[in-house]
Amino acid sequence: MKLMTVVWTAAATAATAAAGGVATDPDGGWYRRLRKPDWQPPAIAFPVVWTALYADLAVSSAAALDSSDAPPDTAARKTRRREIAAYRGALAANLILNASWSWLFWRARRPWLAAAECAVLTVSSADLVRRTYKLNRSAGVALSPYAVWCGFATALSTAIAKRNPRTATI
């Protein structure tokens, strides 16, 4: 991996974490009053898991972006450049979706909207794993927990929304 690629993906991922973190308020009264499923992990799990997943995302994405296993012919190199450009776009969209969930859930207090957005994030994350795997198999395998956790987050968001049908007025 090239240092500048790791710096870029780490900075983009850190910006996503910061943007989501600004909106997050797990100690606020609104969130404390929400009914949550008994299978929700303890509060400490979220920053621990997300920190690991963001680090994984930054490193796996850098490895995919710097993948150099394209065949030497010109047509294959052009195809690889298009794949890398598409990957950058998919990564950027995924990071925007990632940060947006916090704003929809915590700030807008719209659990159903956040759950729907999280489902889109999960699809985006699975697609990003697929794209990563195509460019660098080991990086794709390493990134797979990110998509799995986003799927879990969708289930949890949906469960919270179901248990709190009138959350916007709380």
N, C-alpha and C. Protein backbone atom coordinates (compact mmCIF):
# COMPACT_ATOMS: atom_id res chain seq x y z
N MET A 1 0.84 -1.19 0.00
CA MET A 1 0.00 0.00 0.00
C MET A 1 0.88 1.24 0.00
N LYS A 2 0.37 2.23 -0.67
CA LYS A 2 1.07 3.51 -0.71
C LYS A 2 0.63 4.35 0.49
N LEU A 3 1.56 5.04 1.08
CA LEU A 3 1.27 5.85 2.26
C LEU A 3 0.17 6.87 1.98
N MET A 4 0.22 7.54 0.85
CA MET A 4 -0.78 8.58 0.57
C MET A 4 -2.19 7.99 0.43
N THR A 5 -2.29 6.78 -0.07
CA THR A 5 -3.60 6.15 -0.18
C THR A 5 -4.15 5.85 1.21
N VAL A 6 -3.31 5.34 2.09
CA VAL A 6 -3.74 5.06 3.46
C VAL A 6 -4.12 6.37 4.16
N VAL A 7 -3.35 7.41 3.94
CA VAL A 7 -3.67 8.71 4.55
C VAL A 7 -5.03 9.20 4.05
N TRP A 8 -5.28 9.06 2.75
CA TRP A 8 -6.56 9.52 2.18
C TRP A 8 -7.72 8.71 2.74
N THR A 9 -7.61 7.39 2.74
CA THR A 9 -8.73 6.58 3.24
C THR A 9 -8.91 6.75 4.74
N ALA A 10 -7.81 6.90 5.47
CA ALA A 10 -7.92 7.13 6.92
C ALA A 10 -8.57 8.48 7.20
N ALA A 11 -8.20 9.50 6.44
CA ALA A 11 -8.79 10.83 6.64
C ALA A 11 -10.28 10.82 6.30
N ALA A 12 -10.64 10.17 5.21
CA ALA A 12 -12.05 10.10 4.82
C ALA A 12 -12.87 9.33 5.85
N THR A 13 -12.30 8.26 6.35
CA THR A 13 -13.00 7.45 7.36
C THR A 13 -13.10 8.21 8.68
N ALA A 14 -12.03 8.89 9.06
CA ALA A 14 -12.05 9.68 10.29
C ALA A 14 -13.07 10.82 10.19
N ALA A 15 -13.16 11.44 9.03
CA ALA A 15 -14.15 12.51 8.83
C ALA A 15 -15.57 11.95 8.96
N THR A 16 -15.78 10.75 8.45
CA THR A 16 -17.09 10.09 8.58
C THR A 16 -17.41 9.84 10.05
N ALA A 17 -16.43 9.30 10.77
CA ALA A 17 -16.63 9.03 12.20
C ALA A 17 -16.92 10.32 12.96
N ALA A 18 -16.19 11.37 12.64
CA ALA A 18 -16.40 12.65 13.32
C ALA A 18 -17.77 13.23 13.00
N ALA A 19 -18.17 13.17 11.74
CA ALA A 19 -19.48 13.71 11.34
C ALA A 19 -20.60 12.95 12.04
N GLY A 20 -20.49 11.65 12.12
CA GLY A 20 -21.50 10.87 12.83
C GLY A 20 -21.45 11.11 14.32
N GLY A 21 -20.25 11.24 14.84
CA GLY A 21 -20.07 11.45 16.28
C GLY A 21 -20.66 12.77 16.76
N VAL A 22 -20.59 13.80 15.94
CA VAL A 22 -21.15 15.10 16.30
C VAL A 22 -22.65 15.00 16.54
N ALA A 23 -23.32 14.14 15.78
CA ALA A 23 -24.77 14.00 15.90
C ALA A 23 -25.20 13.05 17.01
N THR A 24 -24.32 12.20 17.46
CA THR A 24 -24.67 11.13 18.39
C THR A 24 -24.78 11.62 19.83
N ASP A 25 -25.87 11.20 20.50
CA ASP A 25 -26.09 11.61 21.89
C ASP A 25 -26.73 10.46 22.69
N PRO A 26 -25.94 9.43 23.01
CA PRO A 26 -26.53 8.28 23.73
C PRO A 26 -26.91 8.59 25.18
N ASP A 27 -26.46 9.72 25.70
CA ASP A 27 -26.80 10.08 27.08
C ASP A 27 -27.99 11.03 27.16
N GLY A 28 -28.53 11.41 26.01
CA GLY A 28 -29.65 12.34 25.99
C GLY A 28 -30.95 11.69 26.45
N GLY A 29 -31.85 12.51 26.94
CA GLY A 29 -33.12 12.03 27.45
C GLY A 29 -33.96 11.32 26.41
N TRP A 30 -33.96 11.84 25.19
CA TRP A 30 -34.75 11.20 24.14
C TRP A 30 -34.33 9.75 23.96
N TYR A 31 -33.05 9.51 23.83
CA TYR A 31 -32.56 8.15 23.61
C TYR A 31 -32.80 7.27 24.83
N ARG A 32 -32.57 7.81 26.00
CA ARG A 32 -32.76 7.01 27.23
C ARG A 32 -34.21 6.57 27.38
N ARG A 33 -35.16 7.38 26.89
CA ARG A 33 -36.58 7.02 27.00
C ARG A 33 -37.04 6.00 25.96
N LEU A 34 -36.25 5.80 24.93
CA LEU A 34 -36.64 4.82 23.91
C LEU A 34 -36.65 3.41 24.47
N ARG A 35 -37.60 2.63 24.03
CA ARG A 35 -37.60 1.20 24.36
C ARG A 35 -36.68 0.51 23.38
N LYS A 36 -35.79 -0.31 23.93
CA LYS A 36 -34.79 -0.99 23.10
C LYS A 36 -34.91 -2.49 23.31
N PRO A 37 -34.51 -3.26 22.29
CA PRO A 37 -34.58 -4.72 22.44
C PRO A 37 -33.56 -5.20 23.47
N ASP A 38 -33.88 -6.31 24.12
CA ASP A 38 -32.96 -6.83 25.14
C ASP A 38 -31.69 -7.40 24.54
N TRP A 39 -31.64 -7.59 23.24
CA TRP A 39 -30.44 -8.09 22.58
C TRP A 39 -29.51 -6.98 22.10
N GLN A 40 -29.86 -5.74 22.43
CA GLN A 40 -28.96 -4.63 22.08
C GLN A 40 -27.67 -4.77 22.87
N PRO A 41 -26.52 -4.63 22.21
CA PRO A 41 -25.25 -4.72 22.94
C PRO A 41 -25.12 -3.59 23.96
N PRO A 42 -24.24 -3.76 24.94
CA PRO A 42 -24.01 -2.68 25.90
C PRO A 42 -23.43 -1.45 25.20
N ALA A 43 -23.64 -0.31 25.78
CA ALA A 43 -23.23 0.96 25.16
C ALA A 43 -21.75 0.98 24.77
N ILE A 44 -20.90 0.39 25.57
CA ILE A 44 -19.46 0.42 25.29
C ILE A 44 -19.11 -0.33 24.00
N ALA A 45 -19.96 -1.26 23.59
CA ALA A 45 -19.68 -2.04 22.37
C ALA A 45 -19.63 -1.16 21.12
N PHE A 46 -20.46 -0.13 21.06
CA PHE A 46 -20.56 0.65 19.84
C PHE A 46 -19.27 1.42 19.50
N PRO A 47 -18.70 2.19 20.41
CA PRO A 47 -17.44 2.86 20.03
C PRO A 47 -16.29 1.87 19.79
N VAL A 48 -16.27 0.78 20.51
CA VAL A 48 -15.22 -0.22 20.31
C VAL A 48 -15.35 -0.86 18.93
N VAL A 49 -16.55 -1.31 18.60
CA VAL A 49 -16.78 -1.97 17.31
C VAL A 49 -16.58 -0.99 16.16
N TRP A 50 -17.16 0.20 16.28
CA TRP A 50 -17.03 1.15 15.17
C TRP A 50 -15.59 1.60 14.96
N THR A 51 -14.83 1.76 16.01
CA THR A 51 -13.42 2.13 15.84
C THR A 51 -12.68 1.05 15.05
N ALA A 52 -12.89 -0.20 15.41
CA ALA A 52 -12.25 -1.30 14.69
C ALA A 52 -12.73 -1.36 13.24
N LEU A 53 -14.03 -1.18 13.02
CA LEU A 53 -14.55 -1.24 11.66
C LEU A 53 -14.06 -0.08 10.80
N TYR A 54 -13.97 1.11 11.37
CA TYR A 54 -13.44 2.25 10.62
C TYR A 54 -11.97 2.03 10.26
N ALA A 55 -11.19 1.49 11.17
CA ALA A 55 -9.79 1.20 10.86
C ALA A 55 -9.71 0.15 9.75
N ASP A 56 -10.53 -0.88 9.85
CA ASP A 56 -10.59 -1.92 8.82
C ASP A 56 -10.98 -1.32 7.48
N LEU A 57 -11.98 -0.46 7.48
CA LEU A 57 -12.45 0.17 6.26
C LEU A 57 -11.33 1.00 5.61
N ALA A 58 -10.62 1.76 6.40
CA ALA A 58 -9.54 2.59 5.87
C ALA A 58 -8.43 1.73 5.26
N VAL A 59 -8.00 0.70 5.96
CA VAL A 59 -6.90 -0.14 5.49
C VAL A 59 -7.34 -1.00 4.31
N SER A 60 -8.50 -1.63 4.40
CA SER A 60 -8.98 -2.49 3.31
C SER A 60 -9.21 -1.68 2.04
N SER A 61 -9.76 -0.50 2.19
CA SER A 61 -9.99 0.35 1.02
C SER A 61 -8.67 0.80 0.39
N ALA A 62 -7.71 1.14 1.22
CA ALA A 62 -6.40 1.51 0.69
C ALA A 62 -5.77 0.35 -0.07
N ALA A 63 -5.89 -0.84 0.48
CA ALA A 63 -5.33 -2.03 -0.19
C ALA A 63 -6.03 -2.25 -1.53
N ALA A 64 -7.34 -2.07 -1.56
CA ALA A 64 -8.07 -2.25 -2.82
C ALA A 64 -7.67 -1.19 -3.84
N LEU A 65 -7.58 0.05 -3.39
CA LEU A 65 -7.23 1.14 -4.30
C LEU A 65 -5.82 0.99 -4.87
N ASP A 66 -4.93 0.41 -4.09
CA ASP A 66 -3.54 0.25 -4.54
C ASP A 66 -3.27 -1.12 -5.15
N SER A 67 -4.31 -1.88 -5.35
CA SER A 67 -4.14 -3.21 -5.93
C SER A 67 -3.49 -3.09 -7.30
N SER A 68 -2.48 -3.89 -7.52
CA SER A 68 -1.73 -3.79 -8.78
C SER A 68 -1.72 -5.11 -9.54
N ASP A 69 -2.76 -5.90 -9.40
CA ASP A 69 -2.76 -7.19 -10.07
C ASP A 69 -3.44 -7.16 -11.44
N ALA A 70 -3.50 -5.98 -12.05
CA ALA A 70 -4.06 -5.88 -13.40
C ALA A 70 -3.06 -6.44 -14.41
N PRO A 71 -3.55 -7.11 -15.43
CA PRO A 71 -2.66 -7.60 -16.47
C PRO A 71 -1.92 -6.43 -17.14
N PRO A 72 -0.78 -6.71 -17.73
CA PRO A 72 0.05 -5.63 -18.27
C PRO A 72 -0.49 -4.98 -19.55
N ASP A 73 -1.46 -5.58 -20.23
CA ASP A 73 -1.91 -4.98 -21.49
C ASP A 73 -2.73 -3.72 -21.24
N THR A 74 -2.77 -2.87 -22.24
CA THR A 74 -3.39 -1.55 -22.12
C THR A 74 -4.88 -1.62 -21.82
N ALA A 75 -5.61 -2.50 -22.47
CA ALA A 75 -7.05 -2.61 -22.26
C ALA A 75 -7.35 -3.00 -20.81
N ALA A 76 -6.57 -3.92 -20.27
CA ALA A 76 -6.78 -4.34 -18.88
C ALA A 76 -6.46 -3.20 -17.92
N ARG A 77 -5.46 -2.43 -18.23
CA ARG A 77 -5.13 -1.28 -17.36
C ARG A 77 -6.26 -0.24 -17.38
N LYS A 78 -6.83 -0.01 -18.54
CA LYS A 78 -7.95 0.94 -18.63
C LYS A 78 -9.15 0.43 -17.84
N THR A 79 -9.41 -0.86 -17.95
CA THR A 79 -10.50 -1.46 -17.17
C THR A 79 -10.24 -1.30 -15.69
N ARG A 80 -9.00 -1.53 -15.26
CA ARG A 80 -8.65 -1.39 -13.84
C ARG A 80 -8.82 0.05 -13.38
N ARG A 81 -8.43 1.01 -14.21
CA ARG A 81 -8.60 2.42 -13.84
C ARG A 81 -10.08 2.76 -13.66
N ARG A 82 -10.93 2.20 -14.53
CA ARG A 82 -12.38 2.43 -14.39
C ARG A 82 -12.90 1.79 -13.10
N GLU A 83 -12.41 0.60 -12.79
CA GLU A 83 -12.83 -0.08 -11.56
C GLU A 83 -12.40 0.73 -10.33
N ILE A 84 -11.20 1.27 -10.37
CA ILE A 84 -10.71 2.08 -9.24
C ILE A 84 -11.55 3.36 -9.10
N ALA A 85 -11.85 4.00 -10.22
CA ALA A 85 -12.69 5.22 -10.17
C ALA A 85 -14.08 4.89 -9.61
N ALA A 86 -14.65 3.78 -10.06
CA ALA A 86 -15.97 3.36 -9.55
C ALA A 86 -15.87 3.02 -8.07
N TYR A 87 -14.77 2.42 -7.68
CA TYR A 87 -14.58 2.07 -6.27
C TYR A 87 -14.54 3.33 -5.41
N ARG A 88 -13.82 4.34 -5.85
CA ARG A 88 -13.76 5.60 -5.09
C ARG A 88 -15.15 6.19 -4.90
N GLY A 89 -15.94 6.16 -5.96
CA GLY A 89 -17.32 6.66 -5.87
C GLY A 89 -18.17 5.85 -4.91
N ALA A 90 -18.02 4.54 -4.97
CA ALA A 90 -18.79 3.66 -4.07
C ALA A 90 -18.36 3.87 -2.62
N LEU A 91 -17.06 4.05 -2.41
CA LEU A 91 -16.55 4.31 -1.05
C LEU A 91 -17.09 5.64 -0.53
N ALA A 92 -17.04 6.67 -1.35
CA ALA A 92 -17.54 7.98 -0.92
C ALA A 92 -19.03 7.92 -0.59
N ALA A 93 -19.80 7.26 -1.42
CA ALA A 93 -21.24 7.13 -1.16
C ALA A 93 -21.48 6.37 0.14
N ASN A 94 -20.70 5.32 0.36
CA ASN A 94 -20.85 4.52 1.57
C ASN A 94 -20.53 5.35 2.81
N LEU A 95 -19.49 6.15 2.75
CA LEU A 95 -19.11 6.97 3.90
C LEU A 95 -20.17 8.02 4.19
N ILE A 96 -20.76 8.58 3.15
CA ILE A 96 -21.85 9.56 3.35
C ILE A 96 -23.05 8.88 4.00
N LEU A 97 -23.41 7.70 3.51
CA LEU A 97 -24.51 6.95 4.13
C LEU A 97 -24.19 6.62 5.58
N ASN A 98 -22.97 6.25 5.84
CA ASN A 98 -22.56 5.88 7.19
C ASN A 98 -22.77 7.04 8.16
N ALA A 99 -22.29 8.21 7.81
CA ALA A 99 -22.43 9.37 8.69
C ALA A 99 -23.88 9.83 8.78
N SER A 100 -24.63 9.67 7.70
CA SER A 100 -26.02 10.16 7.67
C SER A 100 -26.92 9.46 8.67
N TRP A 101 -26.66 8.19 8.94
CA TRP A 101 -27.53 7.48 9.88
C TRP A 101 -27.61 8.22 11.21
N SER A 102 -26.49 8.65 11.73
CA SER A 102 -26.48 9.33 13.04
C SER A 102 -27.34 10.59 13.01
N TRP A 103 -27.28 11.31 11.92
CA TRP A 103 -28.08 12.54 11.82
C TRP A 103 -29.57 12.22 11.74
N LEU A 104 -29.92 11.18 11.04
CA LEU A 104 -31.33 10.80 10.93
C LEU A 104 -31.87 10.26 12.25
N PHE A 105 -31.08 9.43 12.91
CA PHE A 105 -31.54 8.82 14.16
C PHE A 105 -31.46 9.79 15.33
N TRP A 106 -30.28 10.31 15.59
CA TRP A 106 -30.06 11.11 16.80
C TRP A 106 -30.59 12.54 16.68
N ARG A 107 -30.29 13.22 15.58
CA ARG A 107 -30.68 14.63 15.48
C ARG A 107 -32.10 14.81 14.97
N ALA A 108 -32.46 14.09 13.90
CA ALA A 108 -33.81 14.22 13.36
C ALA A 108 -34.82 13.42 14.19
N ARG A 109 -34.30 12.47 14.97
CA ARG A 109 -35.15 11.61 15.81
C ARG A 109 -36.20 10.89 14.97
N ARG A 110 -35.73 10.30 13.89
CA ARG A 110 -36.59 9.59 12.95
C ARG A 110 -36.10 8.15 12.82
N PRO A 111 -36.38 7.31 13.81
CA PRO A 111 -35.88 5.93 13.78
C PRO A 111 -36.27 5.12 12.54
N TRP A 112 -37.50 5.30 12.06
CA TRP A 112 -37.89 4.54 10.86
C TRP A 112 -37.09 4.99 9.65
N LEU A 113 -36.91 6.28 9.50
CA LEU A 113 -36.12 6.79 8.39
C LEU A 113 -34.66 6.33 8.52
N ALA A 114 -34.15 6.36 9.74
CA ALA A 114 -32.78 5.89 9.99
C ALA A 114 -32.65 4.40 9.69
N ALA A 115 -33.66 3.62 10.05
CA ALA A 115 -33.63 2.17 9.76
C ALA A 115 -33.62 1.92 8.26
N ALA A 116 -34.45 2.66 7.53
CA ALA A 116 -34.47 2.50 6.07
C ALA A 116 -33.13 2.92 5.46
N GLU A 117 -32.59 4.01 5.94
CA GLU A 117 -31.28 4.47 5.46
C GLU A 117 -30.21 3.45 5.80
N CYS A 118 -30.31 2.84 6.96
CA CYS A 118 -29.33 1.83 7.37
C CYS A 118 -29.41 0.60 6.47
N ALA A 119 -30.59 0.27 6.00
CA ALA A 119 -30.72 -0.84 5.05
C ALA A 119 -29.98 -0.52 3.75
N VAL A 120 -30.10 0.74 3.31
CA VAL A 120 -29.36 1.17 2.12
C VAL A 120 -27.86 1.12 2.41
N LEU A 121 -27.45 1.55 3.59
CA LEU A 121 -26.04 1.46 3.99
C LEU A 121 -25.55 0.02 3.96
N THR A 122 -26.38 -0.90 4.42
CA THR A 122 -25.99 -2.32 4.42
C THR A 122 -25.77 -2.82 3.00
N VAL A 123 -26.67 -2.47 2.09
CA VAL A 123 -26.51 -2.87 0.69
C VAL A 123 -25.24 -2.24 0.13
N SER A 124 -25.04 -0.97 0.42
CA SER A 124 -23.83 -0.28 -0.03
C SER A 124 -22.57 -0.94 0.53
N SER A 125 -22.62 -1.34 1.79
CA SER A 125 -21.47 -1.97 2.43
C SER A 125 -21.18 -3.34 1.82
N ALA A 126 -22.22 -4.11 1.54
CA ALA A 126 -22.03 -5.40 0.88
C ALA A 126 -21.45 -5.21 -0.51
N ASP A 127 -21.92 -4.19 -1.22
CA ASP A 127 -21.36 -3.88 -2.54
C ASP A 127 -19.90 -3.46 -2.42
N LEU A 128 -19.59 -2.68 -1.39
CA LEU A 128 -18.20 -2.27 -1.20
C LEU A 128 -17.30 -3.47 -0.90
N VAL A 129 -17.79 -4.41 -0.13
CA VAL A 129 -17.04 -5.65 0.12
C VAL A 129 -16.82 -6.38 -1.21
N ARG A 130 -17.85 -6.48 -2.01
CA ARG A 130 -17.74 -7.14 -3.32
C ARG A 130 -16.70 -6.45 -4.20
N ARG A 131 -16.77 -5.12 -4.26
CA ARG A 131 -15.81 -4.36 -5.07
C ARG A 131 -14.39 -4.51 -4.52
N THR A 132 -14.26 -4.50 -3.20
CA THR A 132 -12.95 -4.65 -2.58
C THR A 132 -12.38 -6.02 -2.91
N TYR A 133 -13.20 -7.04 -2.78
CA TYR A 133 -12.78 -8.41 -3.08
C TYR A 133 -12.31 -8.54 -4.52
N LYS A 134 -13.01 -7.88 -5.43
CA LYS A 134 -12.65 -7.94 -6.84
C LYS A 134 -11.27 -7.34 -7.09
N LEU A 135 -10.93 -6.30 -6.34
CA LEU A 135 -9.64 -5.63 -6.51
C LEU A 135 -8.53 -6.29 -5.69
N ASN A 136 -8.90 -6.80 -4.51
CA ASN A 136 -7.91 -7.40 -3.61
C ASN A 136 -8.66 -8.38 -2.71
N ARG A 137 -8.50 -9.66 -2.99
CA ARG A 137 -9.31 -10.67 -2.29
C ARG A 137 -9.14 -10.63 -0.77
N SER A 138 -7.92 -10.55 -0.29
CA SER A 138 -7.74 -10.57 1.17
C SER A 138 -8.34 -9.32 1.82
N ALA A 139 -8.26 -8.18 1.14
CA ALA A 139 -8.87 -6.96 1.67
C ALA A 139 -10.39 -7.09 1.68
N GLY A 140 -10.94 -7.73 0.67
CA GLY A 140 -12.39 -7.95 0.62
C GLY A 140 -12.88 -8.83 1.75
N VAL A 141 -12.13 -9.89 2.02
CA VAL A 141 -12.48 -10.78 3.14
C VAL A 141 -12.37 -10.01 4.45
N ALA A 142 -11.31 -9.22 4.58
CA ALA A 142 -11.11 -8.44 5.81
C ALA A 142 -12.21 -7.42 6.04
N LEU A 143 -12.78 -6.90 4.96
CA LEU A 143 -13.82 -5.87 5.08
C LEU A 143 -15.20 -6.46 5.36
N SER A 144 -15.39 -7.74 5.18
CA SER A 144 -16.73 -8.33 5.32
C SER A 144 -17.40 -8.09 6.68
N PRO A 145 -16.67 -8.02 7.81
CA PRO A 145 -17.38 -7.72 9.07
C PRO A 145 -18.10 -6.36 9.06
N TYR A 146 -17.62 -5.43 8.27
CA TYR A 146 -18.27 -4.13 8.16
C TYR A 146 -19.70 -4.29 7.63
N ALA A 147 -19.86 -5.05 6.56
CA ALA A 147 -21.19 -5.27 6.00
C ALA A 147 -22.07 -6.05 6.96
N VAL A 148 -21.49 -7.01 7.66
CA VAL A 148 -22.25 -7.80 8.63
C VAL A 148 -22.74 -6.89 9.76
N TRP A 149 -21.88 -6.03 10.27
CA TRP A 149 -22.28 -5.13 11.36
C TRP A 149 -23.35 -4.15 10.88
N CYS A 150 -23.23 -3.66 9.66
CA CYS A 150 -24.26 -2.76 9.13
C CYS A 150 -25.60 -3.48 9.04
N GLY A 151 -25.58 -4.76 8.69
CA GLY A 151 -26.80 -5.55 8.69
C GLY A 151 -27.38 -5.66 10.09
N PHE A 152 -26.52 -5.90 11.07
CA PHE A 152 -26.96 -5.94 12.46
C PHE A 152 -27.53 -4.59 12.88
N ALA A 153 -26.86 -3.51 12.48
CA ALA A 153 -27.34 -2.16 12.81
C ALA A 153 -28.71 -1.90 12.20
N THR A 154 -28.95 -2.42 11.01
CA THR A 154 -30.27 -2.29 10.39
C THR A 154 -31.32 -3.01 11.22
N ALA A 155 -31.01 -4.22 11.64
CA ALA A 155 -31.96 -4.98 12.47
C ALA A 155 -32.23 -4.26 13.79
N LEU A 156 -31.18 -3.74 14.41
CA LEU A 156 -31.34 -3.03 15.67
C LEU A 156 -32.13 -1.74 15.49
N SER A 157 -31.81 -0.98 14.46
CA SER A 157 -32.54 0.26 14.18
C SER A 157 -34.02 -0.02 13.95
N THR A 158 -34.30 -1.07 13.19
CA THR A 158 -35.69 -1.45 12.91
C THR A 158 -36.40 -1.88 14.19
N ALA A 159 -35.72 -2.65 15.02
CA ALA A 159 -36.33 -3.09 16.29
C ALA A 159 -36.65 -1.89 17.19
N ILE A 160 -35.76 -0.93 17.24
CA ILE A 160 -36.01 0.28 18.05
C ILE A 160 -37.19 1.06 17.47
N ALA A 161 -37.23 1.21 16.15
CA ALA A 161 -38.33 1.93 15.52
C ALA A 161 -39.67 1.24 15.79
N LYS A 162 -39.70 -0.08 15.73
CA LYS A 162 -40.94 -0.81 15.99
C LYS A 162 -41.42 -0.63 17.42
N ARG A 163 -40.49 -0.57 18.36
CA ARG A 163 -40.85 -0.44 19.77
C ARG A 163 -41.22 0.98 20.16
N ASN A 164 -40.99 1.93 19.28
CA ASN A 164 -41.20 3.35 19.59
C ASN A 164 -41.91 4.05 18.43
N PRO A 165 -43.18 3.71 18.21
CA PRO A 165 -43.89 4.26 17.04
C PRO A 165 -44.11 5.78 17.07
N ARG A 166 -44.02 6.37 18.22
CA ARG A 166 -44.26 7.82 18.31
C ARG A 166 -43.02 8.58 18.78
N THR A 167 -41.86 8.15 18.36
CA THR A 167 -40.62 8.73 18.86
C THR A 167 -40.43 10.19 18.52
N ALA A 168 -40.98 10.64 17.42
CA ALA A 168 -40.77 12.03 17.03
C ALA A 168 -41.42 13.00 18.03
N THR A 169 -42.35 12.54 18.83
CA THR A 169 -43.03 13.42 19.77
C THR A 169 -42.52 13.27 21.19
N ILE A 170 -41.55 12.39 21.39
CA ILE A 170 -41.04 12.18 22.76
C ILE A 170 -40.14 13.33 23.13
